[in-house]
């Protein structure tokens, strides 16, 4: 999943409540195609990891903790 800088359109909307914003975001996400969702995920990962997400190899580590109450 290589990163390409596409032209990004930023829209700012003002909502009167968190519920209204949540409904609008739900409708926006529902309208995205699979490719658009992957592109949005790629942008978020790039913001968090920078070139470690797109160019550098990542070392993945998993830790498992067993708890007695489950």
PDB file of N, CA and C in Angstrom:
ATOM      1  N   UNK A   1       0.841  -1.157   0.000  1.00  0.00           N
ATOM      2  CA  UNK A   1       0.000   0.000   0.000  1.00  0.00           C
ATOM      3  C   UNK A   1       0.891   1.227   0.000  1.00  0.00           C
ATOM      4  N   UNK A   2       1.351   1.656  -1.119  1.00  0.00           N
ATOM      5  CA  UNK A   2       2.215   2.819  -1.202  1.00  0.00           C
ATOM      6  C   UNK A   2       1.407   4.104  -1.123  1.00  0.00           C
ATOM      7  N   UNK A   3       1.965   5.068  -0.504  1.00  0.00           N
ATOM      8  CA  UNK A   3       1.270   6.338  -0.335  1.00  0.00           C
ATOM      9  C   UNK A   3       1.483   7.227  -1.546  1.00  0.00           C
ATOM     10  N   UNK A   4       0.412   7.793  -2.024  1.00  0.00           N
ATOM     11  CA  UNK A   4       0.507   8.797  -3.076  1.00  0.00           C
ATOM     12  C   UNK A   4      -0.248  10.018  -2.590  1.00  0.00           C
ATOM     13  N   UNK A   5       0.349  11.162  -2.785  1.00  0.00           N
ATOM     14  CA  UNK A   5      -0.299  12.402  -2.363  1.00  0.00           C
ATOM     15  C   UNK A   5      -1.330  12.795  -3.409  1.00  0.00           C
ATOM     16  N   UNK A   6      -2.578  12.688  -3.048  1.00  0.00           N
ATOM     17  CA  UNK A   6      -3.653  13.107  -3.930  1.00  0.00           C
ATOM     18  C   UNK A   6      -4.115  14.487  -3.479  1.00  0.00           C
ATOM     19  N   UNK A   7      -4.822  15.163  -4.355  1.00  0.00           N
ATOM     20  CA  UNK A   7      -5.426  16.426  -3.947  1.00  0.00           C
ATOM     21  C   UNK A   7      -6.494  16.111  -2.912  1.00  0.00           C
ATOM     22  N   UNK A   8      -6.395  16.780  -1.783  1.00  0.00           N
ATOM     23  CA  UNK A   8      -7.347  16.531  -0.697  1.00  0.00           C
ATOM     24  C   UNK A   8      -8.314  17.703  -0.607  1.00  0.00           C
ATOM     25  N   UNK A   9      -9.576  17.380  -0.537  1.00  0.00           N
ATOM     26  CA  UNK A   9     -10.613  18.385  -0.393  1.00  0.00           C
ATOM     27  C   UNK A   9     -11.044  18.370   1.070  1.00  0.00           C
ATOM     28  N   UNK A  10     -10.953  19.521   1.697  1.00  0.00           N
ATOM     29  CA  UNK A  10     -11.329  19.624   3.104  1.00  0.00           C
ATOM     30  C   UNK A  10     -12.620  20.420   3.197  1.00  0.00           C
ATOM     31  N   UNK A  11     -13.618  19.819   3.820  1.00  0.00           N
ATOM     32  CA  UNK A  11     -14.890  20.498   4.039  1.00  0.00           C
ATOM     33  C   UNK A  11     -15.086  20.666   5.539  1.00  0.00           C
ATOM     34  N   UNK A  12     -15.476  21.848   5.932  1.00  0.00           N
ATOM     35  CA  UNK A  12     -15.728  22.133   7.344  1.00  0.00           C
ATOM     36  C   UNK A  12     -17.222  22.343   7.519  1.00  0.00           C
ATOM     37  N   UNK A  13     -17.792  21.604   8.459  1.00  0.00           N
ATOM     38  CA  UNK A  13     -19.218  21.733   8.746  1.00  0.00           C
ATOM     39  C   UNK A  13     -19.394  21.980  10.238  1.00  0.00           C
ATOM     40  N   UNK A  14     -20.401  22.742  10.565  1.00  0.00           N
ATOM     41  CA  UNK A  14     -20.703  23.032  11.958  1.00  0.00           C
ATOM     42  C   UNK A  14     -21.983  22.293  12.328  1.00  0.00           C
ATOM     43  N   UNK A  15     -21.933  21.552  13.433  1.00  0.00           N
ATOM     44  CA  UNK A  15     -23.081  20.774  13.884  1.00  0.00           C
ATOM     45  C   UNK A  15     -23.580  21.315  15.214  1.00  0.00           C
ATOM     46  N   UNK A  16     -24.866  21.163  15.435  1.00  0.00           N
ATOM     47  CA  UNK A  16     -25.451  21.691  16.667  1.00  0.00           C
ATOM     48  C   UNK A  16     -25.344  20.713  17.832  1.00  0.00           C
ATOM     49  N   UNK A  17     -24.988  19.452  17.537  1.00  0.00           N
ATOM     50  CA  UNK A  17     -24.851  18.471  18.617  1.00  0.00           C
ATOM     51  C   UNK A  17     -23.904  17.355  18.176  1.00  0.00           C
ATOM     52  N   UNK A  18     -23.414  16.608  19.158  1.00  0.00           N
ATOM     53  CA  UNK A  18     -22.573  15.453  18.842  1.00  0.00           C
ATOM     54  C   UNK A  18     -23.368  14.388  18.101  1.00  0.00           C
ATOM     55  N   UNK A  19     -24.640  14.249  18.443  1.00  0.00           N
ATOM     56  CA  UNK A  19     -25.489  13.250  17.780  1.00  0.00           C
ATOM     57  C   UNK A  19     -25.644  13.566  16.298  1.00  0.00           C
ATOM     58  N   UNK A  20     -25.835  14.844  16.001  1.00  0.00           N
ATOM     59  CA  UNK A  20     -25.954  15.246  14.598  1.00  0.00           C
ATOM     60  C   UNK A  20     -24.650  14.981  13.847  1.00  0.00           C
ATOM     61  N   UNK A  21     -23.524  15.263  14.470  1.00  0.00           N
ATOM     62  CA  UNK A  21     -22.221  15.007  13.842  1.00  0.00           C
ATOM     63  C   UNK A  21     -22.013  13.513  13.639  1.00  0.00           C
ATOM     64  N   UNK A  22     -22.389  12.704  14.621  1.00  0.00           N
ATOM     65  CA  UNK A  22     -22.245  11.254  14.496  1.00  0.00           C
ATOM     66  C   UNK A  22     -23.084  10.709  13.345  1.00  0.00           C
ATOM     67  N   UNK A  23     -24.314  11.204  13.199  1.00  0.00           N
ATOM     68  CA  UNK A  23     -25.164  10.762  12.084  1.00  0.00           C
ATOM     69  C   UNK A  23     -24.543  11.140  10.746  1.00  0.00           C
ATOM     70  N   UNK A  24     -24.040  12.376  10.642  1.00  0.00           N
ATOM     71  CA  UNK A  24     -23.424  12.829   9.389  1.00  0.00           C
ATOM     72  C   UNK A  24     -22.189  11.985   9.071  1.00  0.00           C
ATOM     73  N   UNK A  25     -21.356  11.690  10.076  1.00  0.00           N
ATOM     74  CA  UNK A  25     -20.163  10.874   9.845  1.00  0.00           C
ATOM     75  C   UNK A  25     -20.542   9.450   9.440  1.00  0.00           C
ATOM     76  N   UNK A  26     -21.588   8.903  10.057  1.00  0.00           N
ATOM     77  CA  UNK A  26     -22.049   7.560   9.689  1.00  0.00           C
ATOM     78  C   UNK A  26     -22.488   7.528   8.220  1.00  0.00           C
ATOM     79  N   UNK A  27     -23.228   8.527   7.788  1.00  0.00           N
ATOM     80  CA  UNK A  27     -23.673   8.586   6.388  1.00  0.00           C
ATOM     81  C   UNK A  27     -22.491   8.776   5.438  1.00  0.00           C
ATOM     82  N   UNK A  28     -21.513   9.598   5.852  1.00  0.00           N
ATOM     83  CA  UNK A  28     -20.328   9.811   5.009  1.00  0.00           C
ATOM     84  C   UNK A  28     -19.552   8.514   4.843  1.00  0.00           C
ATOM     85  N   UNK A  29     -19.347   7.787   5.940  1.00  0.00           N
ATOM     86  CA  UNK A  29     -18.610   6.522   5.868  1.00  0.00           C
ATOM     87  C   UNK A  29     -19.358   5.470   5.058  1.00  0.00           C
ATOM     88  N   UNK A  30     -20.677   5.447   5.191  1.00  0.00           N
ATOM     89  CA  UNK A  30     -21.482   4.473   4.445  1.00  0.00           C
ATOM     90  C   UNK A  30     -21.403   4.716   2.945  1.00  0.00           C
ATOM     91  N   UNK A  31     -21.178   5.959   2.546  1.00  0.00           N
ATOM     92  CA  UNK A  31     -21.132   6.293   1.118  1.00  0.00           C
ATOM     93  C   UNK A  31     -19.766   6.043   0.486  1.00  0.00           C
ATOM     94  N   UNK A  32     -18.738   5.775   1.291  1.00  0.00           N
ATOM     95  CA  UNK A  32     -17.398   5.560   0.746  1.00  0.00           C
ATOM     96  C   UNK A  32     -17.295   4.215   0.032  1.00  0.00           C
ATOM     97  N   UNK A  33     -16.514   4.197  -1.030  1.00  0.00           N
ATOM     98  CA  UNK A  33     -16.208   2.929  -1.691  1.00  0.00           C
ATOM     99  C   UNK A  33     -15.100   2.226  -0.903  1.00  0.00           C
ATOM    100  N   UNK A  34     -14.848   0.986  -1.239  1.00  0.00           N
ATOM    101  CA  UNK A  34     -13.784   0.229  -0.570  1.00  0.00           C
ATOM    102  C   UNK A  34     -12.435   0.920  -0.754  1.00  0.00           C
ATOM    103  N   UNK A  35     -12.171   1.395  -1.951  1.00  0.00           N
ATOM    104  CA  UNK A  35     -10.909   2.065  -2.234  1.00  0.00           C
ATOM    105  C   UNK A  35     -10.779   3.367  -1.442  1.00  0.00           C
ATOM    106  N   UNK A  36     -11.882   4.112  -1.320  1.00  0.00           N
ATOM    107  CA  UNK A  36     -11.845   5.357  -0.552  1.00  0.00           C
ATOM    108  C   UNK A  36     -11.588   5.088   0.933  1.00  0.00           C
ATOM    109  N   UNK A  37     -12.177   4.013   1.452  1.00  0.00           N
ATOM    110  CA  UNK A  37     -11.929   3.649   2.854  1.00  0.00           C
ATOM    111  C   UNK A  37     -10.466   3.272   3.064  1.00  0.00           C
ATOM    112  N   UNK A  38      -9.905   2.509   2.145  1.00  0.00           N
ATOM    113  CA  UNK A  38      -8.494   2.140   2.258  1.00  0.00           C
ATOM    114  C   UNK A  38      -7.597   3.367   2.174  1.00  0.00           C
ATOM    115  N   UNK A  39      -7.929   4.284   1.298  1.00  0.00           N
ATOM    116  CA  UNK A  39      -7.137   5.508   1.169  1.00  0.00           C
ATOM    117  C   UNK A  39      -7.208   6.330   2.459  1.00  0.00           C
ATOM    118  N   UNK A  40      -8.386   6.433   3.053  1.00  0.00           N
ATOM    119  CA  UNK A  40      -8.530   7.170   4.308  1.00  0.00           C
ATOM    120  C   UNK A  40      -7.724   6.498   5.426  1.00  0.00           C
ATOM    121  N   UNK A  41      -7.765   5.169   5.468  1.00  0.00           N
ATOM    122  CA  UNK A  41      -6.971   4.430   6.453  1.00  0.00           C
ATOM    123  C   UNK A  41      -5.484   4.680   6.234  1.00  0.00           C
ATOM    124  N   UNK A  42      -5.054   4.687   4.985  1.00  0.00           N
ATOM    125  CA  UNK A  42      -3.651   4.931   4.655  1.00  0.00           C
ATOM    126  C   UNK A  42      -3.206   6.312   5.111  1.00  0.00           C
ATOM    127  N   UNK A  43      -4.043   7.311   4.945  1.00  0.00           N
ATOM    128  CA  UNK A  43      -3.716   8.670   5.388  1.00  0.00           C
ATOM    129  C   UNK A  43      -3.545   8.709   6.903  1.00  0.00           C
ATOM    130  N   UNK A  44      -4.455   8.055   7.620  1.00  0.00           N
ATOM    131  CA  UNK A  44      -4.358   8.043   9.083  1.00  0.00           C
ATOM    132  C   UNK A  44      -3.101   7.320   9.552  1.00  0.00           C
ATOM    133  N   UNK A  45      -2.789   6.188   8.930  1.00  0.00           N
ATOM    134  CA  UNK A  45      -1.591   5.447   9.313  1.00  0.00           C
ATOM    135  C   UNK A  45      -0.328   6.253   9.018  1.00  0.00           C
ATOM    136  N   UNK A  46      -0.335   6.951   7.902  1.00  0.00           N
ATOM    137  CA  UNK A  46       0.825   7.766   7.537  1.00  0.00           C
ATOM    138  C   UNK A  46       1.026   8.897   8.542  1.00  0.00           C
ATOM    139  N   UNK A  47      -0.071   9.461   9.040  1.00  0.00           N
ATOM    140  CA  UNK A  47       0.035  10.515  10.051  1.00  0.00           C
ATOM    141  C   UNK A  47       0.652   9.978  11.339  1.00  0.00           C
ATOM    142  N   UNK A  48       0.288   8.754  11.698  1.00  0.00           N
ATOM    143  CA  UNK A  48       0.789   8.172  12.941  1.00  0.00           C
ATOM    144  C   UNK A  48       2.221   7.686  12.786  1.00  0.00           C
ATOM    145  N   UNK A  49       2.491   6.938  11.715  1.00  0.00           N
ATOM    146  CA  UNK A  49       3.781   6.263  11.567  1.00  0.00           C
ATOM    147  C   UNK A  49       4.765   6.966  10.641  1.00  0.00           C
ATOM    148  N   UNK A  50       4.329   7.903   9.842  1.00  0.00           N
ATOM    149  CA  UNK A  50       5.219   8.579   8.894  1.00  0.00           C
ATOM    150  C   UNK A  50       5.775   7.587   7.884  1.00  0.00           C
ATOM    151  N   UNK A  51       7.065   7.700   7.586  1.00  0.00           N
ATOM    152  CA  UNK A  51       7.664   6.805   6.585  1.00  0.00           C
ATOM    153  C   UNK A  51       7.768   5.376   7.093  1.00  0.00           C
ATOM    154  N   UNK A  52       7.646   5.180   8.391  1.00  0.00           N
ATOM    155  CA  UNK A  52       7.670   3.806   8.908  1.00  0.00           C
ATOM    156  C   UNK A  52       6.487   3.009   8.367  1.00  0.00           C
ATOM    157  N   UNK A  53       5.398   3.695   8.023  1.00  0.00           N
ATOM    158  CA  UNK A  53       4.229   3.000   7.484  1.00  0.00           C
ATOM    159  C   UNK A  53       4.396   2.732   5.994  1.00  0.00           C
ATOM    160  N   UNK A  54       5.007   3.651   5.262  1.00  0.00           N
ATOM    161  CA  UNK A  54       5.030   3.525   3.810  1.00  0.00           C
ATOM    162  C   UNK A  54       6.342   3.007   3.235  1.00  0.00           C
ATOM    163  N   UNK A  55       7.475   3.280   3.903  1.00  0.00           N
ATOM    164  CA  UNK A  55       8.757   2.926   3.283  1.00  0.00           C
ATOM    165  C   UNK A  55       9.624   2.006   4.139  1.00  0.00           C
ATOM    166  N   UNK A  56       9.619   2.199   5.437  1.00  0.00           N
ATOM    167  CA  UNK A  56      10.483   1.405   6.317  1.00  0.00           C
ATOM    168  C   UNK A  56       9.784   0.118   6.739  1.00  0.00           C
ATOM    169  N   UNK A  57      10.586  -0.922   6.903  1.00  0.00           N
ATOM    170  CA  UNK A  57      10.031  -2.183   7.396  1.00  0.00           C
ATOM    171  C   UNK A  57       9.623  -2.021   8.855  1.00  0.00           C
ATOM    172  N   UNK A  58       8.492  -2.622   9.224  1.00  0.00           N
ATOM    173  CA  UNK A  58       8.000  -2.520  10.593  1.00  0.00           C
ATOM    174  C   UNK A  58       8.198  -3.850  11.313  1.00  0.00           C
ATOM    175  N   UNK A  59       8.556  -3.780  12.556  1.00  0.00           N
ATOM    176  CA  UNK A  59       8.643  -4.967  13.392  1.00  0.00           C
ATOM    177  C   UNK A  59       7.368  -5.021  14.214  1.00  0.00           C
ATOM    178  N   UNK A  60       6.611  -6.090  14.060  1.00  0.00           N
ATOM    179  CA  UNK A  60       5.348  -6.221  14.769  1.00  0.00           C
ATOM    180  C   UNK A  60       5.538  -7.125  15.980  1.00  0.00           C
ATOM    181  N   UNK A  61       5.053  -6.673  17.100  1.00  0.00           N
ATOM    182  CA  UNK A  61       5.167  -7.424  18.336  1.00  0.00           C
ATOM    183  C   UNK A  61       3.781  -7.582  18.931  1.00  0.00           C
ATOM    184  N   UNK A  62       3.464  -8.787  19.346  1.00  0.00           N
ATOM    185  CA  UNK A  62       2.186  -9.038  20.013  1.00  0.00           C
ATOM    186  C   UNK A  62       2.471  -9.511  21.433  1.00  0.00           C
ATOM    187  N   UNK A  63       1.714  -8.989  22.357  1.00  0.00           N
ATOM    188  CA  UNK A  63       1.850  -9.404  23.750  1.00  0.00           C
ATOM    189  C   UNK A  63       0.516  -9.936  24.210  1.00  0.00           C
ATOM    190  N   UNK A  64       0.555 -11.054  24.897  1.00  0.00           N
ATOM    191  CA  UNK A  64      -0.656 -11.681  25.409  1.00  0.00           C
ATOM    192  C   UNK A  64      -0.543 -11.762  26.916  1.00  0.00           C
ATOM    193  N   UNK A  65      -1.601 -11.330  27.581  1.00  0.00           N
ATOM    194  CA  UNK A  65      -1.631 -11.391  29.035  1.00  0.00           C
ATOM    195  C   UNK A  65      -2.840 -12.217  29.436  1.00  0.00           C
ATOM    196  N   UNK A  66      -2.624 -13.211  30.223  1.00  0.00           N
ATOM    197  CA  UNK A  66      -3.723 -14.060  30.674  1.00  0.00           C
ATOM    198  C   UNK A  66      -4.176 -13.558  32.040  1.00  0.00           C
ATOM    199  N   UNK A  67      -5.474 -13.342  32.152  1.00  0.00           N
ATOM    200  CA  UNK A  67      -6.025 -12.879  33.425  1.00  0.00           C
ATOM    201  C   UNK A  67      -6.955 -13.949  33.982  1.00  0.00           C
ATOM    202  N   UNK A  68      -7.041 -14.016  35.271  1.00  0.00           N
ATOM    203  CA  UNK A  68      -7.814 -15.087  35.895  1.00  0.00           C
ATOM    204  C   UNK A  68      -9.313 -14.821  35.925  1.00  0.00           C
ATOM    205  N   UNK A  69      -9.734 -13.566  35.766  1.00  0.00           N
ATOM    206  CA  UNK A  69     -11.152 -13.280  35.917  1.00  0.00           C
ATOM    207  C   UNK A  69     -11.956 -13.479  34.636  1.00  0.00           C
ATOM    208  N   UNK A  70     -11.336 -13.883  33.561  1.00  0.00           N
ATOM    209  CA  UNK A  70     -12.081 -14.133  32.313  1.00  0.00           C
ATOM    210  C   UNK A  70     -12.329 -15.588  32.080  1.00  0.00           C
TER     211      UNK A  70
END
